Amino acid sequence: MAAIIGCHGGHLTVPCCDTGVQSEMSKRGLSRLLGLFCIAVAIAGCTRDDPRPNTNVTALSQHIHLSMPPAAARFEIATLPERNDEGVPGPTDYVALIAAIRPQGPDNAIIANQPRIGEAAAVPEAFLRAWLSEGEKDALQRAAAPDGTAYNIRALTRQAAKRAIAVPLNAGEWVLYIEYVAP
């Protein structure tokens, strides 16, 4: 049976099943249903998933100068605030690169030979991205501790940075926070 939708007496008629029984739905009811559907789609479209990090080691070299590309890297350039309470973009207070890298060759020593950061180097909590492992997040938080081990890598950045921090994770792995814009 072919489905035929028609209008009869101010009501929309829709054939139902193979029995030929027709159900009627007022235009008003259909409008409400369509409106609710549009609202649900709009809300679902507004939810924000954390972006996946970039793994292109060549792209990372646009931000940090190492003697060779890292063996592995995950990074993201993030801005804060990401949204204000109304859900629309607001002014940018921070722009920073967050990265987890595994350098090659002499680059571990190059990073470790940068000056240590003497003062607490708090990283805004919102930059502890969902894609970072718990160990990487912990390392960034330890950088803020007075006894934390963090290195000032501003001399290795390719663009002017307010702060540039490298925190060792374990043998040959680092987490980086490079702050380009801050209040």
C-alpha atoms as a PDB file:
ATOM      1  CA  MET A   1       0.000   0.000   0.000  1.00  0.00           C
ATOM      2  CA  ALA A   2       1.442   3.354  -0.973  1.00  0.00           C
ATOM      3  CA  ALA A   3       1.723   5.927   1.781  1.00  0.00           C
ATOM      4  CA  ILE A   4      -0.326   8.980   0.961  1.00  0.00           C
ATOM      5  CA  ILE A   5      -0.389  11.997   3.216  1.00  0.00           C
ATOM      6  CA  GLY A   6      -3.273  14.366   2.747  1.00  0.00           C
ATOM      7  CA  CYS A   7      -5.218  17.123   4.411  1.00  0.00           C
ATOM      8  CA  HIS A   8      -8.844  16.545   5.365  1.00  0.00           C
ATOM      9  CA  GLY A   9     -10.964  18.997   7.307  1.00  0.00           C
ATOM     10  CA  GLY A  10      -8.016  20.941   8.779  1.00  0.00           C
ATOM     11  CA  HIS A  11      -6.316  17.751   9.930  1.00  0.00           C
ATOM     12  CA  LEU A  12      -3.406  15.902   8.437  1.00  0.00           C
ATOM     13  CA  THR A  13      -4.258  12.320   7.542  1.00  0.00           C
ATOM     14  CA  VAL A  14      -1.603   9.647   7.410  1.00  0.00           C
ATOM     15  CA  PRO A  15      -2.367   6.081   6.332  1.00  0.00           C
ATOM     16  CA  CYS A  16      -1.355   3.552   8.945  1.00  0.00           C
ATOM     17  CA  CYS A  17      -0.140   0.026   8.375  1.00  0.00           C
ATOM     18  CA  ASP A  18      -1.574  -2.270   5.720  1.00  0.00           C
ATOM     19  CA  THR A  19      -5.101  -2.169   7.180  1.00  0.00           C
ATOM     20  CA  GLY A  20      -5.851   1.156   5.602  1.00  0.00           C
ATOM     21  CA  VAL A  21      -6.753   2.579   9.008  1.00  0.00           C
ATOM     22  CA  GLN A  22      -5.967   6.263   9.047  1.00  0.00           C
ATOM     23  CA  SER A  23      -4.820   8.209  12.059  1.00  0.00           C
ATOM     24  CA  GLU A  24      -5.382  11.929  12.195  1.00  0.00           C
ATOM     25  CA  MET A  25      -3.010  14.442  13.691  1.00  0.00           C
ATOM     26  CA  SER A  26      -3.863  18.091  13.829  1.00  0.00           C
ATOM     27  CA  LYS A  27      -1.550  20.525  12.119  1.00  0.00           C
ATOM     28  CA  ARG A  28      -1.008  22.096  15.510  1.00  0.00           C
ATOM     29  CA  GLY A  29       0.119  18.800  17.035  1.00  0.00           C
ATOM     30  CA  LEU A  30       2.466  18.169  14.130  1.00  0.00           C
ATOM     31  CA  SER A  31       3.860  21.690  14.495  1.00  0.00           C
ATOM     32  CA  ARG A  32       4.555  21.083  18.162  1.00  0.00           C
ATOM     33  CA  LEU A  33       6.213  17.775  17.442  1.00  0.00           C
ATOM     34  CA  LEU A  34       8.352  19.315  14.700  1.00  0.00           C
ATOM     35  CA  GLY A  35       9.271  22.222  16.999  1.00  0.00           C
ATOM     36  CA  LEU A  36      10.343  19.870  19.792  1.00  0.00           C
ATOM     37  CA  PHE A  37      12.401  17.858  17.332  1.00  0.00           C
ATOM     38  CA  CYS A  38      14.180  21.024  16.104  1.00  0.00           C
ATOM     39  CA  ILE A  39      14.914  22.104  19.681  1.00  0.00           C
ATOM     40  CA  ALA A  40      16.335  18.671  20.507  1.00  0.00           C
ATOM     41  CA  VAL A  41      18.564  18.747  17.415  1.00  0.00           C
ATOM     42  CA  ALA A  42      19.733  22.271  18.238  1.00  0.00           C
ATOM     43  CA  ILE A  43      20.601  21.330  21.818  1.00  0.00           C
ATOM     44  CA  ALA A  44      22.425  18.190  20.705  1.00  0.00           C
ATOM     45  CA  GLY A  45      24.352  20.267  18.179  1.00  0.00           C
ATOM     46  CA  CYS A  46      25.471  22.690  20.889  1.00  0.00           C
ATOM     47  CA  THR A  47      27.082  20.122  23.144  1.00  0.00           C
ATOM     48  CA  ARG A  48      30.833  20.305  22.967  1.00  0.00           C
ATOM     49  CA  ASP A  49      33.063  17.294  22.892  1.00  0.00           C
ATOM     50  CA  ASP A  50      36.676  17.880  23.749  1.00  0.00           C
ATOM     51  CA  PRO A  51      38.589  18.026  20.508  1.00  0.00           C
ATOM     52  CA  ARG A  52      40.989  15.275  19.657  1.00  0.00           C
ATOM     53  CA  PRO A  53      44.591  16.326  19.907  1.00  0.00           C
ATOM     54  CA  ASN A  54      46.704  16.916  16.844  1.00  0.00           C
ATOM     55  CA  THR A  55      49.353  14.206  16.364  1.00  0.00           C
ATOM     56  CA  ASN A  56      51.179  15.819  13.447  1.00  0.00           C
ATOM     57  CA  VAL A  57      54.769  16.211  14.694  1.00  0.00           C
ATOM     58  CA  THR A  58      55.580  18.501  11.762  1.00  0.00           C
ATOM     59  CA  ALA A  59      52.768  20.861  12.762  1.00  0.00           C
ATOM     60  CA  LEU A  60      54.117  20.905  16.319  1.00  0.00           C
ATOM     61  CA  SER A  61      57.459  22.148  14.981  1.00  0.00           C
ATOM     62  CA  GLN A  62      55.701  25.432  14.097  1.00  0.00           C
ATOM     63  CA  HIS A  63      55.451  26.069  17.834  1.00  0.00           C
ATOM     64  CA  ILE A  64      58.591  24.632  19.390  1.00  0.00           C
ATOM     65  CA  HIS A  65      62.106  24.432  18.036  1.00  0.00           C
ATOM     66  CA  LEU A  66      63.718  21.028  18.519  1.00  0.00           C
ATOM     67  CA  SER A  67      66.618  19.573  16.545  1.00  0.00           C
ATOM     68  CA  MET A  68      64.301  16.923  15.049  1.00  0.00           C
ATOM     69  CA  PRO A  69      60.570  16.199  15.177  1.00  0.00           C
ATOM     70  CA  PRO A  70      59.501  14.232  18.254  1.00  0.00           C
ATOM     71  CA  ALA A  71      58.999  10.487  17.917  1.00  0.00           C
ATOM     72  CA  ALA A  72      55.425  11.061  19.114  1.00  0.00           C
ATOM     73  CA  ALA A  73      53.309  14.049  20.029  1.00  0.00           C
ATOM     74  CA  ARG A  74      49.770  14.990  20.935  1.00  0.00           C
ATOM     75  CA  PHE A  75      48.904  18.651  21.184  1.00  0.00           C
ATOM     76  CA  GLU A  76      46.149  21.213  21.068  1.00  0.00           C
ATOM     77  CA  ILE A  77      45.979  24.976  20.858  1.00  0.00           C
ATOM     78  CA  ALA A  78      43.190  25.942  23.259  1.00  0.00           C
ATOM     79  CA  THR A  79      41.551  29.235  24.117  1.00  0.00           C
ATOM     80  CA  LEU A  80      39.797  30.163  27.332  1.00  0.00           C
ATOM     81  CA  PRO A  81      37.123  30.944  28.071  1.00  0.00           C
ATOM     82  CA  GLU A  82      35.787  28.521  25.487  1.00  0.00           C
ATOM     83  CA  ARG A  83      32.202  29.775  25.935  1.00  0.00           C
ATOM     84  CA  ASN A  84      30.473  32.171  28.257  1.00  0.00           C
ATOM     85  CA  ASP A  85      27.296  31.254  30.183  1.00  0.00           C
ATOM     86  CA  GLU A  86      25.052  32.108  27.233  1.00  0.00           C
ATOM     87  CA  GLY A  87      26.797  29.518  25.043  1.00  0.00           C
ATOM     88  CA  VAL A  88      28.242  32.050  22.619  1.00  0.00           C
ATOM     89  CA  PRO A  89      31.933  32.739  22.143  1.00  0.00           C
ATOM     90  CA  GLY A  90      33.264  35.346  24.523  1.00  0.00           C
ATOM     91  CA  PRO A  91      36.501  37.282  24.760  1.00  0.00           C
ATOM     92  CA  THR A  92      39.656  35.236  24.798  1.00  0.00           C
ATOM     93  CA  ASP A  93      41.593  35.518  28.022  1.00  0.00           C
ATOM     94  CA  TYR A  94      44.059  32.706  27.324  1.00  0.00           C
ATOM     95  CA  VAL A  95      45.583  31.075  24.269  1.00  0.00           C
ATOM     96  CA  ALA A  96      47.927  28.195  24.999  1.00  0.00           C
ATOM     97  CA  LEU A  97      49.441  25.100  23.495  1.00  0.00           C
ATOM     98  CA  ILE A  98      49.197  21.930  25.565  1.00  0.00           C
ATOM     99  CA  ALA A  99      51.330  19.003  24.407  1.00  0.00           C
ATOM    100  CA  ALA A 100      52.575  15.601  25.423  1.00  0.00           C
ATOM    101  CA  ILE A 101      55.753  14.699  23.507  1.00  0.00           C
ATOM    102  CA  ARG A 102      58.437  12.048  23.274  1.00  0.00           C
ATOM    103  CA  PRO A 103      61.503  13.825  21.831  1.00  0.00           C
ATOM    104  CA  GLN A 104      64.250  12.051  19.920  1.00  0.00           C
ATOM    105  CA  GLY A 105      68.030  12.229  20.003  1.00  0.00           C
ATOM    106  CA  PRO A 106      69.527  15.164  21.868  1.00  0.00           C
ATOM    107  CA  ASP A 107      66.217  16.963  22.406  1.00  0.00           C
ATOM    108  CA  ASN A 108      65.593  15.455  25.860  1.00  0.00           C
ATOM    109  CA  ALA A 109      68.889  16.963  26.998  1.00  0.00           C
ATOM    110  CA  ILE A 110      68.120  20.266  25.238  1.00  0.00           C
ATOM    111  CA  ILE A 111      64.860  20.574  27.194  1.00  0.00           C
ATOM    112  CA  ALA A 112      66.427  19.421  30.479  1.00  0.00           C
ATOM    113  CA  ASN A 113      69.245  21.978  30.076  1.00  0.00           C
ATOM    114  CA  GLN A 114      66.801  24.908  30.020  1.00  0.00           C
ATOM    115  CA  PRO A 115      66.554  26.930  33.248  1.00  0.00           C
ATOM    116  CA  ARG A 116      64.385  25.485  35.970  1.00  0.00           C
ATOM    117  CA  ILE A 117      61.337  27.475  36.932  1.00  0.00           C
ATOM    118  CA  GLY A 118      61.929  28.741  40.448  1.00  0.00           C
ATOM    119  CA  GLU A 119      58.439  29.982  41.278  1.00  0.00           C
ATOM    120  CA  ALA A 120      55.176  28.072  41.237  1.00  0.00           C
ATOM    121  CA  ALA A 121      53.987  27.777  37.652  1.00  0.00           C
ATOM    122  CA  ALA A 122      50.254  27.178  37.994  1.00  0.00           C
ATOM    123  CA  VAL A 123      48.576  25.961  34.818  1.00  0.00           C
ATOM    124  CA  PRO A 124      44.880  26.942  34.612  1.00  0.00           C
ATOM    125  CA  GLU A 125      42.842  23.837  35.404  1.00  0.00           C
ATOM    126  CA  ALA A 126      40.785  24.161  32.211  1.00  0.00           C
ATOM    127  CA  PHE A 127      43.954  23.403  30.240  1.00  0.00           C
ATOM    128  CA  LEU A 128      44.122  19.948  31.802  1.00  0.00           C
ATOM    129  CA  ARG A 129      42.445  18.566  28.702  1.00  0.00           C
ATOM    130  CA  ALA A 130      40.370  15.383  28.631  1.00  0.00           C
ATOM    131  CA  TRP A 131      42.751  13.729  26.155  1.00  0.00           C
ATOM    132  CA  LEU A 132      45.703  14.046  28.569  1.00  0.00           C
ATOM    133  CA  SER A 133      46.434  10.959  30.650  1.00  0.00           C
ATOM    134  CA  GLU A 134      46.090  11.210  34.416  1.00  0.00           C
ATOM    135  CA  GLY A 135      49.896  11.180  34.705  1.00  0.00           C
ATOM    136  CA  GLU A 136      50.187  14.076  32.252  1.00  0.00           C
ATOM    137  CA  LYS A 137      47.548  16.092  34.108  1.00  0.00           C
ATOM    138  CA  ASP A 138      49.298  15.335  37.387  1.00  0.00           C
ATOM    139  CA  ALA A 139      52.626  16.527  35.944  1.00  0.00           C
ATOM    140  CA  LEU A 140      51.085  19.852  34.900  1.00  0.00           C
ATOM    141  CA  GLN A 141      49.593  20.268  38.372  1.00  0.00           C
ATOM    142  CA  ARG A 142      52.957  19.406  39.990  1.00  0.00           C
ATOM    143  CA  ALA A 143      54.530  22.241  38.033  1.00  0.00           C
ATOM    144  CA  ALA A 144      52.596  24.584  40.322  1.00  0.00           C
ATOM    145  CA  ALA A 145      54.054  23.046  43.484  1.00  0.00           C
ATOM    146  CA  PRO A 146      57.005  24.893  45.040  1.00  0.00           C
ATOM    147  CA  ASP A 147      59.080  21.708  44.866  1.00  0.00           C
ATOM    148  CA  GLY A 148      57.844  20.757  41.367  1.00  0.00           C
ATOM    149  CA  THR A 149      60.253  20.129  38.527  1.00  0.00           C
ATOM    150  CA  ALA A 150      59.503  22.340  35.561  1.00  0.00           C
ATOM    151  CA  TYR A 151      61.717  23.941  32.941  1.00  0.00           C
ATOM    152  CA  ASN A 152      61.385  27.325  31.287  1.00  0.00           C
ATOM    153  CA  ILE A 153      61.435  26.538  27.554  1.00  0.00           C
ATOM    154  CA  ARG A 154      60.633  30.030  26.217  1.00  0.00           C
ATOM    155  CA  ALA A 155      63.957  29.989  24.384  1.00  0.00           C
ATOM    156  CA  LEU A 156      62.671  26.991  22.400  1.00  0.00           C
ATOM    157  CA  THR A 157      59.355  28.520  21.304  1.00  0.00           C
ATOM    158  CA  ARG A 158      58.991  29.785  17.752  1.00  0.00           C
ATOM    159  CA  GLN A 159      56.428  32.452  18.679  1.00  0.00           C
ATOM    160  CA  ALA A 160      56.485  34.943  21.520  1.00  0.00           C
ATOM    161  CA  ALA A 161      55.159  33.294  24.664  1.00  0.00           C
ATOM    162  CA  LYS A 162      54.312  34.705  28.073  1.00  0.00           C
ATOM    163  CA  ARG A 163      55.233  31.392  29.708  1.00  0.00           C
ATOM    164  CA  ALA A 164      56.560  28.133  28.332  1.00  0.00           C
ATOM    165  CA  ILE A 165      56.820  25.187  30.689  1.00  0.00           C
ATOM    166  CA  ALA A 166      58.120  21.650  30.161  1.00  0.00           C
ATOM    167  CA  VAL A 167      57.521  19.051  32.866  1.00  0.00           C
ATOM    168  CA  PRO A 168      59.245  15.655  32.705  1.00  0.00           C
ATOM    169  CA  LEU A 169      56.964  12.641  32.974  1.00  0.00           C
ATOM    170  CA  ASN A 170      59.357   9.721  32.837  1.00  0.00           C
ATOM    171  CA  ALA A 171      62.332   8.697  30.748  1.00  0.00           C
ATOM    172  CA  GLY A 172      62.040  10.684  27.562  1.00  0.00           C
ATOM    173  CA  GLU A 173      58.477  11.986  27.849  1.00  0.00           C
ATOM    174  CA  TRP A 174      57.421  15.546  28.558  1.00  0.00           C
ATOM    175  CA  VAL A 175      54.255  17.552  28.946  1.00  0.00           C
ATOM    176  CA  LEU A 176      54.354  21.143  27.689  1.00  0.00           C
ATOM    177  CA  TYR A 177      52.307  24.241  28.421  1.00  0.00           C
ATOM    178  CA  ILE A 178      53.060  27.239  26.222  1.00  0.00           C
ATOM    179  CA  GLU A 179      50.995  30.304  27.086  1.00  0.00           C
ATOM    180  CA  TYR A 180      50.714  32.813  24.240  1.00  0.00           C
ATOM    181  CA  VAL A 181      48.000  35.118  25.604  1.00  0.00           C
ATOM    182  CA  ALA A 182      47.047  35.560  29.249  1.00  0.00           C
ATOM    183  CA  PRO A 183      45.265  38.241  31.280  1.00  0.00           C
END
